[in-house]
N, C-alpha and C. Protein backbone atom coordinates (compact mmCIF):
# COMPACT_ATOMS: atom_id res chain seq x y z
N UNK A 1 54.53 -167.87 76.87
CA UNK A 1 53.59 -166.40 76.73
C UNK A 1 53.37 -165.68 75.42
N UNK A 2 52.16 -165.02 76.08
CA UNK A 2 51.40 -164.13 74.90
C UNK A 2 51.77 -162.67 74.57
N UNK A 3 52.61 -162.37 73.66
CA UNK A 3 52.36 -161.20 73.40
C UNK A 3 51.30 -160.23 72.77
N UNK A 4 50.50 -159.41 73.71
CA UNK A 4 49.66 -158.72 72.80
C UNK A 4 50.01 -157.55 71.99
N UNK A 5 48.75 -158.07 70.42
CA UNK A 5 49.22 -156.61 69.49
C UNK A 5 47.91 -156.74 69.12
N UNK A 6 48.21 -155.11 69.30
CA UNK A 6 46.45 -154.31 68.97
C UNK A 6 45.76 -154.13 70.23
N UNK A 7 44.20 -153.73 70.42
CA UNK A 7 43.40 -153.60 71.35
C UNK A 7 42.86 -155.36 71.51
N UNK A 8 42.89 -154.94 73.07
CA UNK A 8 41.17 -156.15 73.52
C UNK A 8 39.95 -155.53 73.35
N UNK A 9 40.00 -153.95 73.71
CA UNK A 9 38.44 -153.44 73.88
C UNK A 9 38.49 -152.88 72.85
N UNK A 10 36.60 -152.78 72.83
CA UNK A 10 36.21 -152.16 71.71
C UNK A 10 36.64 -150.78 71.97
N UNK A 11 36.80 -150.49 73.13
CA UNK A 11 37.14 -148.44 73.13
C UNK A 11 38.24 -147.87 72.07
N UNK A 12 39.16 -149.03 71.94
CA UNK A 12 40.51 -149.35 71.64
C UNK A 12 41.47 -149.10 72.44
N UNK A 13 41.51 -149.43 73.56
CA UNK A 13 42.12 -149.62 74.43
C UNK A 13 43.10 -150.81 74.80
N UNK A 14 44.02 -151.04 74.90
CA UNK A 14 44.86 -152.74 75.17
C UNK A 14 43.59 -153.37 75.88
N UNK A 15 43.35 -152.82 76.58
CA UNK A 15 42.69 -153.45 77.87
C UNK A 15 41.11 -152.91 78.21
N UNK A 16 40.16 -153.32 78.63
CA UNK A 16 38.70 -152.71 79.34
C UNK A 16 38.91 -151.95 80.17
N UNK A 17 40.15 -152.29 81.20
CA UNK A 17 40.59 -152.02 82.51
C UNK A 17 41.67 -150.59 82.36
N UNK A 18 41.29 -149.54 81.51
CA UNK A 18 42.16 -148.88 81.11
C UNK A 18 41.95 -147.76 81.97
N UNK A 19 40.85 -147.44 82.83
CA UNK A 19 40.35 -146.69 83.42
C UNK A 19 40.84 -146.95 85.70
N UNK A 20 41.16 -145.79 86.29
CA UNK A 20 41.64 -146.36 87.66
C UNK A 20 39.65 -146.03 88.39
N UNK A 21 39.75 -146.16 89.81
CA UNK A 21 39.01 -145.82 90.16
C UNK A 21 37.95 -145.20 89.92
N UNK A 22 38.59 -143.69 89.73
CA UNK A 22 37.55 -142.51 89.84
C UNK A 22 37.46 -142.52 87.95
N UNK A 23 37.69 -143.04 87.26
CA UNK A 23 37.27 -143.34 85.34
C UNK A 23 37.76 -142.74 85.21
N UNK A 24 39.48 -142.19 85.23
CA UNK A 24 40.64 -141.63 84.66
C UNK A 24 41.06 -142.45 83.39
N UNK A 25 41.38 -142.26 82.65
CA UNK A 25 42.04 -143.37 81.50
C UNK A 25 43.48 -143.09 81.66
N UNK A 26 43.94 -144.14 82.14
CA UNK A 26 44.96 -144.68 82.82
C UNK A 26 46.31 -144.76 81.15
N UNK A 27 45.54 -145.58 79.99
CA UNK A 27 45.97 -145.56 78.87
C UNK A 27 46.18 -144.73 77.82
N UNK A 28 46.85 -144.58 76.81
CA UNK A 28 46.38 -143.94 75.48
C UNK A 28 45.50 -145.31 74.58
N UNK A 29 44.39 -144.96 74.36
CA UNK A 29 43.49 -145.79 72.95
C UNK A 29 44.74 -146.54 72.30
N UNK A 30 45.04 -147.86 71.70
CA UNK A 30 45.63 -147.66 70.57
C UNK A 30 44.96 -147.72 69.09
N UNK A 31 43.89 -147.16 69.23
CA UNK A 31 43.27 -146.74 67.95
C UNK A 31 41.62 -146.00 67.84
N UNK A 32 41.58 -145.42 66.95
CA UNK A 32 40.50 -144.67 67.46
C UNK A 32 39.08 -144.95 67.17
N UNK A 33 38.16 -145.78 68.19
CA UNK A 33 37.00 -146.44 67.87
C UNK A 33 35.83 -145.47 66.76
N UNK A 34 35.83 -143.95 66.49
CA UNK A 34 35.30 -143.96 65.94
C UNK A 34 35.32 -143.84 64.09
N UNK A 35 36.66 -144.00 64.24
CA UNK A 35 37.49 -144.66 62.55
C UNK A 35 37.17 -145.90 62.47
N UNK A 36 37.00 -146.70 63.29
CA UNK A 36 36.63 -148.13 63.05
C UNK A 36 35.42 -148.36 63.34
N UNK A 37 34.25 -147.92 63.97
CA UNK A 37 32.98 -148.27 63.93
C UNK A 37 31.94 -146.79 63.92
N UNK A 38 32.73 -145.86 63.37
CA UNK A 38 31.85 -144.79 62.81
C UNK A 38 31.78 -143.81 64.01
N UNK A 39 31.22 -142.34 63.41
CA UNK A 39 30.75 -141.60 64.80
C UNK A 39 29.76 -141.85 64.94
N UNK A 40 29.51 -141.56 66.61
CA UNK A 40 28.74 -141.63 67.59
C UNK A 40 27.76 -140.69 66.91
N UNK A 41 26.26 -141.64 67.47
CA UNK A 41 25.26 -140.93 67.05
C UNK A 41 24.46 -140.09 67.85
N UNK A 42 23.97 -139.51 67.31
CA UNK A 42 22.70 -138.57 68.25
C UNK A 42 22.27 -138.99 69.48
N UNK A 43 21.57 -138.25 70.42
CA UNK A 43 20.71 -139.54 71.67
C UNK A 43 19.77 -140.18 70.85
N UNK A 44 19.08 -140.79 71.57
CA UNK A 44 18.33 -142.07 70.56
C UNK A 44 17.32 -141.12 70.76
N UNK A 45 16.12 -140.63 69.68
CA UNK A 45 15.42 -139.96 68.97
C UNK A 45 14.85 -140.43 68.10
N UNK A 46 13.07 -140.54 68.07
CA UNK A 46 12.42 -141.19 67.06
C UNK A 46 13.55 -140.98 65.13
N UNK A 47 13.91 -139.75 65.25
CA UNK A 47 14.52 -139.60 63.77
C UNK A 47 15.34 -140.47 63.80
N UNK A 48 16.49 -140.56 64.22
CA UNK A 48 17.62 -141.30 64.22
C UNK A 48 17.65 -142.65 64.50
N UNK A 49 16.36 -143.32 65.43
CA UNK A 49 16.40 -144.75 65.84
C UNK A 49 16.92 -145.78 64.91
N UNK A 50 16.21 -145.75 63.76
CA UNK A 50 17.04 -147.26 63.09
C UNK A 50 17.95 -146.71 62.59
N UNK A 51 19.26 -145.47 62.04
CA UNK A 51 20.13 -145.48 62.08
C UNK A 51 20.68 -146.18 62.99
N UNK A 52 20.54 -145.22 64.54
CA UNK A 52 21.49 -146.34 65.11
C UNK A 52 21.67 -146.93 65.63
N UNK A 53 20.37 -147.89 65.65
CA UNK A 53 20.04 -150.10 65.95
C UNK A 53 21.42 -150.46 64.44
N UNK A 54 20.98 -149.73 63.57
CA UNK A 54 21.59 -150.70 62.18
C UNK A 54 23.21 -150.51 62.65
N UNK A 55 23.06 -149.28 62.96
CA UNK A 55 24.52 -148.89 63.21
C UNK A 55 25.55 -149.79 64.29
N UNK A 56 24.67 -149.86 65.03
CA UNK A 56 24.69 -151.08 66.42
C UNK A 56 25.64 -152.34 65.77
N UNK A 57 24.54 -152.87 64.79
CA UNK A 57 24.75 -154.23 64.37
C UNK A 57 26.27 -154.18 63.57
N UNK A 58 26.33 -152.76 62.88
CA UNK A 58 27.79 -153.06 62.55
C UNK A 58 28.88 -152.67 62.91
N UNK A 59 28.53 -152.06 64.01
CA UNK A 59 29.66 -151.90 65.26
C UNK A 59 30.16 -153.58 65.82
N UNK A 60 29.44 -154.07 65.98
CA UNK A 60 29.38 -155.76 66.11
C UNK A 60 29.51 -156.78 65.27
N UNK A 61 29.83 -156.57 64.21
CA UNK A 61 30.08 -156.99 63.45
C UNK A 61 31.53 -156.62 62.99
N UNK A 62 32.00 -155.61 63.14
CA UNK A 62 33.34 -154.92 63.57
C UNK A 62 34.61 -155.02 64.10
N UNK A 63 33.43 -155.64 65.14
CA UNK A 63 34.53 -155.83 66.68
C UNK A 63 34.79 -157.60 66.42
N UNK A 64 33.67 -158.19 66.15
CA UNK A 64 33.65 -159.44 65.53
C UNK A 64 34.78 -159.92 65.03
N UNK A 65 34.99 -159.44 63.29
CA UNK A 65 35.82 -159.01 62.93
C UNK A 65 37.61 -158.67 63.53
N UNK A 66 37.30 -157.97 64.51
CA UNK A 66 38.84 -158.05 64.61
C UNK A 66 38.87 -158.74 66.08
N UNK A 67 38.04 -159.10 66.39
CA UNK A 67 38.73 -160.29 67.61
C UNK A 67 39.05 -161.66 66.64
N UNK A 68 38.91 -161.78 64.94
CA UNK A 68 38.68 -162.55 64.44
C UNK A 68 40.50 -162.52 64.54
N UNK A 69 40.34 -160.67 63.90
CA UNK A 69 41.85 -161.21 63.32
C UNK A 69 43.72 -160.68 64.79
N UNK A 70 42.92 -160.74 66.14
CA UNK A 70 43.64 -160.50 67.03
C UNK A 70 43.71 -160.95 67.78
N UNK A 71 42.35 -161.82 67.54
CA UNK A 71 42.62 -163.22 69.18
C UNK A 71 42.86 -163.13 70.25
N UNK A 72 41.81 -161.78 70.58
CA UNK A 72 42.66 -161.34 72.45
C UNK A 72 41.94 -162.33 73.61
N UNK A 73 42.98 -163.35 73.92
CA UNK A 73 42.97 -164.88 74.77
C UNK A 73 41.82 -164.65 75.89
N UNK A 74 41.43 -163.54 76.22
CA UNK A 74 39.77 -163.59 77.15
C UNK A 74 38.83 -163.01 76.81
N UNK A 75 38.32 -162.79 75.26
CA UNK A 75 37.44 -162.78 74.56
C UNK A 75 36.78 -164.25 73.76
N UNK A 76 35.58 -164.27 74.46
CA UNK A 76 34.74 -165.53 74.04
C UNK A 76 34.34 -165.45 72.67
N UNK A 77 34.41 -164.41 71.81
CA UNK A 77 34.84 -164.54 70.79
C UNK A 77 36.00 -165.68 70.15
N UNK A 78 37.23 -164.91 70.83
CA UNK A 78 37.85 -165.60 69.94
C UNK A 78 37.86 -166.99 70.53
N UNK A 79 37.34 -167.91 71.84
CA UNK A 79 37.32 -168.90 72.15
C UNK A 79 36.30 -169.77 70.80
N UNK A 80 35.03 -169.13 69.99
CA UNK A 80 34.36 -169.45 68.88
C UNK A 80 35.12 -169.53 67.56
N UNK A 81 35.93 -168.96 67.46
CA UNK A 81 36.74 -168.76 66.67
C UNK A 81 37.85 -169.71 66.74
N UNK A 82 38.32 -170.01 67.54
CA UNK A 82 39.29 -170.78 68.06
C UNK A 82 39.04 -172.38 68.26
N UNK A 83 37.82 -172.52 68.13
CA UNK A 83 37.43 -173.34 68.60
C UNK A 83 37.10 -173.96 67.07
N UNK A 84 37.62 -173.55 65.88
CA UNK A 84 36.12 -173.41 64.81
C UNK A 84 34.89 -173.94 64.24
N UNK A 85 34.80 -173.97 63.20
CA UNK A 85 32.97 -173.86 62.17
C UNK A 85 32.99 -174.75 63.00
N UNK A 86 32.72 -175.59 63.53
CA UNK A 86 31.91 -176.73 64.07
C UNK A 86 30.73 -176.06 65.55
N UNK A 87 31.82 -175.64 66.06
CA UNK A 87 31.22 -175.17 67.31
C UNK A 87 30.85 -173.78 67.22
N UNK A 88 31.28 -172.94 66.01
CA UNK A 88 30.17 -172.06 65.86
C UNK A 88 28.55 -172.22 65.37
N UNK A 89 28.65 -173.40 64.10
CA UNK A 89 27.30 -173.85 64.14
C UNK A 89 26.83 -174.38 65.00
N UNK A 90 27.56 -174.95 66.18
CA UNK A 90 26.76 -175.72 66.97
C UNK A 90 25.58 -174.38 67.74
N UNK A 91 26.45 -173.44 68.02
CA UNK A 91 26.06 -172.06 68.91
C UNK A 91 25.12 -171.42 68.25
N UNK A 92 24.65 -171.71 66.97
CA UNK A 92 23.79 -170.87 65.93
C UNK A 92 22.77 -171.56 66.24
N UNK A 93 23.10 -173.37 66.11
CA UNK A 93 21.46 -174.13 66.24
C UNK A 93 21.16 -173.60 67.57
N UNK A 94 21.80 -173.44 68.30
CA UNK A 94 21.91 -173.69 69.88
C UNK A 94 21.10 -172.29 70.08
N UNK A 95 21.29 -171.41 69.52
CA UNK A 95 20.53 -170.20 70.10
C UNK A 95 19.18 -170.08 68.93
N UNK A 96 19.56 -170.91 67.71
CA UNK A 96 17.81 -170.98 67.32
C UNK A 96 17.02 -171.76 67.52
N UNK A 97 17.23 -172.63 68.31
CA UNK A 97 16.46 -173.74 69.31
C UNK A 97 15.60 -172.81 70.41
N UNK A 98 16.74 -171.91 71.43
CA UNK A 98 15.87 -170.90 72.21
C UNK A 98 14.98 -169.58 71.83
N UNK A 99 15.47 -169.60 70.33
CA UNK A 99 14.57 -168.28 69.74
C UNK A 99 13.31 -169.16 69.84
N UNK A 100 13.17 -170.24 69.21
CA UNK A 100 12.25 -170.93 69.04
C UNK A 100 11.23 -171.23 69.86
N UNK A 101 11.68 -171.65 71.87
CA UNK A 101 11.67 -171.73 72.36
C UNK A 101 10.64 -170.57 73.41
N UNK A 102 11.62 -169.40 72.88
CA UNK A 102 11.22 -168.43 73.83
C UNK A 102 10.00 -167.68 73.84
N UNK A 103 9.77 -167.86 71.38
CA UNK A 103 8.47 -167.02 70.71
C UNK A 103 7.39 -168.31 71.37
N UNK A 104 7.35 -169.28 72.11
CA UNK A 104 5.96 -169.91 71.68
C UNK A 104 6.01 -169.66 73.31
N UNK A 105 6.99 -169.10 74.70
CA UNK A 105 6.49 -169.16 76.02
C UNK A 105 6.10 -167.10 75.88
N UNK A 106 5.17 -167.30 76.62
CA UNK A 106 4.47 -165.41 76.67
C UNK A 106 6.17 -164.35 76.89
N UNK A 107 6.78 -164.44 77.47
CA UNK A 107 7.59 -163.45 77.87
C UNK A 107 7.95 -162.80 76.30
N UNK A 108 7.65 -161.77 76.26
CA UNK A 108 8.55 -161.18 74.93
C UNK A 108 10.19 -160.64 75.55
N UNK A 109 10.82 -160.23 76.55
CA UNK A 109 11.48 -159.78 76.84
C UNK A 109 12.85 -161.48 77.03
N UNK A 110 12.20 -162.57 77.32
CA UNK A 110 13.17 -163.93 76.34
C UNK A 110 13.23 -164.14 75.12
N UNK A 111 12.41 -163.79 74.70
CA UNK A 111 12.33 -163.27 72.94
C UNK A 111 13.64 -162.42 72.42
N UNK A 112 13.45 -161.35 72.70
CA UNK A 112 14.54 -159.88 72.67
C UNK A 112 16.03 -160.82 72.89
N UNK A 113 15.94 -161.56 73.68
CA UNK A 113 17.17 -161.50 74.48
C UNK A 113 17.88 -163.04 73.83
N UNK A 114 16.71 -163.58 73.45
CA UNK A 114 17.37 -164.46 72.30
C UNK A 114 18.37 -164.50 71.39
N UNK A 115 17.23 -164.13 70.67
CA UNK A 115 17.08 -163.51 69.25
C UNK A 115 19.24 -161.93 69.38
N UNK A 116 18.59 -161.60 70.03
CA UNK A 116 20.30 -160.82 70.40
C UNK A 116 21.31 -162.23 70.67
N UNK A 117 21.10 -163.07 71.12
CA UNK A 117 22.12 -164.25 70.60
C UNK A 117 22.39 -164.86 70.06
N UNK A 118 21.51 -165.03 69.20
CA UNK A 118 21.43 -165.63 67.72
C UNK A 118 22.47 -164.42 66.48
N UNK A 119 21.50 -163.56 66.59
CA UNK A 119 22.12 -162.67 65.57
C UNK A 119 23.82 -162.49 66.27
N UNK A 120 23.84 -162.42 67.42
CA UNK A 120 25.60 -162.34 67.57
C UNK A 120 26.04 -163.65 67.46
N UNK A 121 26.09 -165.14 67.01
CA UNK A 121 26.73 -165.93 66.77
C UNK A 121 26.21 -165.97 64.89
N UNK A 122 25.00 -165.47 64.95
CA UNK A 122 24.82 -165.46 63.14
C UNK A 122 26.37 -164.75 62.73
N UNK A 123 26.53 -163.64 62.91
CA UNK A 123 27.45 -162.89 62.93
C UNK A 123 28.34 -163.06 62.73
N UNK A 124 29.18 -164.07 63.93
CA UNK A 124 30.16 -164.96 63.91
C UNK A 124 30.85 -165.60 62.81
N UNK A 125 29.09 -166.21 62.89
CA UNK A 125 29.57 -166.96 61.60
C UNK A 125 29.69 -166.35 60.49
N UNK A 126 28.97 -165.26 59.91
CA UNK A 126 29.69 -164.50 58.34
C UNK A 126 30.59 -164.23 58.49
N UNK A 127 31.58 -163.52 59.66
CA UNK A 127 32.94 -163.14 59.87
C UNK A 127 33.27 -164.41 59.66
N UNK A 128 33.27 -165.66 60.44
CA UNK A 128 34.46 -166.94 59.89
C UNK A 128 33.98 -167.18 57.93
N UNK A 129 32.87 -166.87 57.51
CA UNK A 129 33.45 -167.38 56.13
C UNK A 129 33.29 -166.02 55.64
N UNK A 130 33.55 -165.35 56.10
CA UNK A 130 34.49 -164.28 55.44
C UNK A 130 33.39 -163.63 54.07
N UNK A 131 32.10 -163.51 55.02
CA UNK A 131 30.68 -163.03 54.11
C UNK A 131 30.68 -161.89 55.15
N UNK A 132 30.55 -160.57 53.82
CA UNK A 132 30.38 -159.50 54.68
C UNK A 132 28.74 -159.00 55.00
N UNK A 133 28.87 -158.29 56.04
CA UNK A 133 27.43 -158.14 56.56
C UNK A 133 26.62 -157.31 55.05
N UNK A 134 27.01 -156.55 55.07
CA UNK A 134 26.67 -155.96 53.53
C UNK A 134 26.25 -156.28 52.70
N UNK A 135 26.91 -157.64 52.58
CA UNK A 135 26.13 -158.85 51.46
C UNK A 135 24.75 -158.86 51.58
N UNK A 136 24.77 -159.18 52.93
CA UNK A 136 23.62 -159.33 53.72
C UNK A 136 22.80 -158.47 53.63
N UNK A 137 22.80 -157.05 53.77
CA UNK A 137 21.92 -156.40 53.90
C UNK A 137 21.47 -155.95 52.47
N UNK A 138 22.39 -156.12 51.61
CA UNK A 138 22.10 -155.61 50.30
C UNK A 138 20.88 -157.00 49.94
N UNK A 139 20.77 -158.08 49.86
CA UNK A 139 19.83 -158.80 49.73
C UNK A 139 18.74 -159.02 50.20
N UNK A 140 18.86 -158.46 51.64
CA UNK A 140 18.01 -158.45 52.87
C UNK A 140 16.24 -156.82 51.38
N UNK A 141 18.14 -155.57 50.50
CA UNK A 141 17.04 -154.89 50.01
C UNK A 141 16.64 -155.57 48.77
N UNK A 142 17.19 -156.40 48.29
CA UNK A 142 16.40 -156.84 47.21
C UNK A 142 15.67 -157.43 47.15
N UNK A 143 15.14 -157.95 48.03
CA UNK A 143 13.58 -158.68 48.43
C UNK A 143 12.81 -158.15 48.69
N UNK A 144 13.13 -156.54 49.37
CA UNK A 144 11.74 -155.76 48.68
C UNK A 144 10.61 -155.51 48.09
């Protein structure tokens, strides 16, 4: 029998199915997502768009990190971590190839989709190797 510890949902709830059919919360969150992921940004405006998108990258990294710590059983990220480094590296390789193929095609939507997959799998790799996202950002900043 598996005993859950912590939240399985990025909203801080123990499950993603915490609302009834009318949208009412049926359980309290285990943690405050604003404390973990940062305060919600204002609506998408030109002034905050870059910060908001960077925040999404940081939020995704934090969710992946949480998945590694708590390993919720229904999570694809958990599957990657429990399958080990070789599986994670295989997915990074596959997604890299898919980005290359999408770039050769005419659909920019395919390239955006495949790039998002690659970034996700790269973040999983960084978490697996205990490399902070801020280390990568600092390296990019140093290359300006």
